[in-house]
Amino acid sequence: MSLLFSMWTVLVAVVFLGIVLWVFLGNKEEFDEAAQIPFEETDEPLIEADSKEKSHG
């Protein structure tokens, strides 16, 4: 039974490491692009004046 648990632990560890490598090595360009989203400027206001007035009235 302990052999089964050991094999399961090794399998889960290999799958976990595979996912980590796939995410960080395979999608680096997408992560770099997504990391710049907070710094992009938009012309749209974050809160519209009309909706602000309605929520207080």
Protein backbone atom coordinates (compact mmCIF):
# COMPACT_ATOMS: atom_id res chain seq x y z
CA MET A 1 0.00 0.00 0.00
CA SER A 2 2.86 2.39 0.75
CA LEU A 3 4.22 1.75 -2.76
CA LEU A 4 0.91 2.96 -4.17
CA PHE A 5 1.05 6.13 -2.06
CA SER A 6 4.65 6.74 -3.13
CA MET A 7 3.79 6.32 -6.81
CA TRP A 8 0.80 8.66 -6.40
CA THR A 9 3.00 11.30 -4.71
CA VAL A 10 5.60 11.12 -7.50
CA LEU A 11 2.89 11.31 -10.19
CA VAL A 12 1.25 14.36 -8.59
CA ALA A 13 4.64 16.07 -8.17
CA VAL A 14 5.54 15.48 -11.83
CA VAL A 15 2.16 16.76 -13.02
CA PHE A 16 2.48 19.83 -10.78
CA LEU A 17 5.97 20.64 -12.05
CA GLY A 18 4.81 20.10 -15.63
CA ILE A 19 1.98 22.58 -15.17
CA VAL A 20 4.29 25.13 -13.55
CA LEU A 21 6.80 24.86 -16.40
CA TRP A 22 4.06 25.04 -19.01
CA VAL A 23 2.58 28.18 -17.45
CA PHE A 24 5.79 30.09 -16.83
CA LEU A 25 7.82 29.04 -19.86
CA GLY A 26 5.11 28.62 -22.47
CA ASN A 27 3.07 31.77 -21.79
CA LYS A 28 5.76 34.33 -20.94
CA GLU A 29 4.71 36.72 -23.71
CA GLU A 30 1.08 36.61 -22.60
CA PHE A 31 2.06 37.23 -18.97
CA ASP A 32 4.28 40.16 -19.95
CA GLU A 33 1.45 41.68 -21.96
CA ALA A 34 -1.07 41.15 -19.15
CA ALA A 35 1.34 42.69 -16.64
CA GLN A 36 1.23 45.98 -18.56
CA ILE A 37 -2.58 46.29 -18.49
CA PRO A 38 -2.70 48.38 -15.26
CA PHE A 39 -0.36 50.94 -16.83
CA GLU A 40 -2.38 51.45 -20.01
CA GLU A 41 -4.24 54.75 -20.18
CA THR A 42 -7.82 54.89 -21.39
CA ASP A 43 -9.98 57.84 -22.34
CA GLU A 44 -13.01 56.39 -20.58
CA PRO A 45 -13.78 57.53 -17.02
CA LEU A 46 -13.77 54.79 -14.40
CA ILE A 47 -17.02 56.03 -12.84
CA GLU A 48 -19.72 57.82 -14.78
CA ALA A 49 -21.14 60.98 -13.18
CA ASP A 50 -24.75 59.87 -13.73
CA SER A 51 -24.36 56.57 -11.94
CA LYS A 52 -22.62 58.28 -9.02
CA GLU A 53 -25.49 60.71 -8.56
CA LYS A 54 -28.11 57.94 -8.72
CA SER A 55 -26.43 55.87 -6.04
CA HIS A 56 -26.51 58.78 -3.55
CA GLY A 57 -30.04 59.92 -4.24
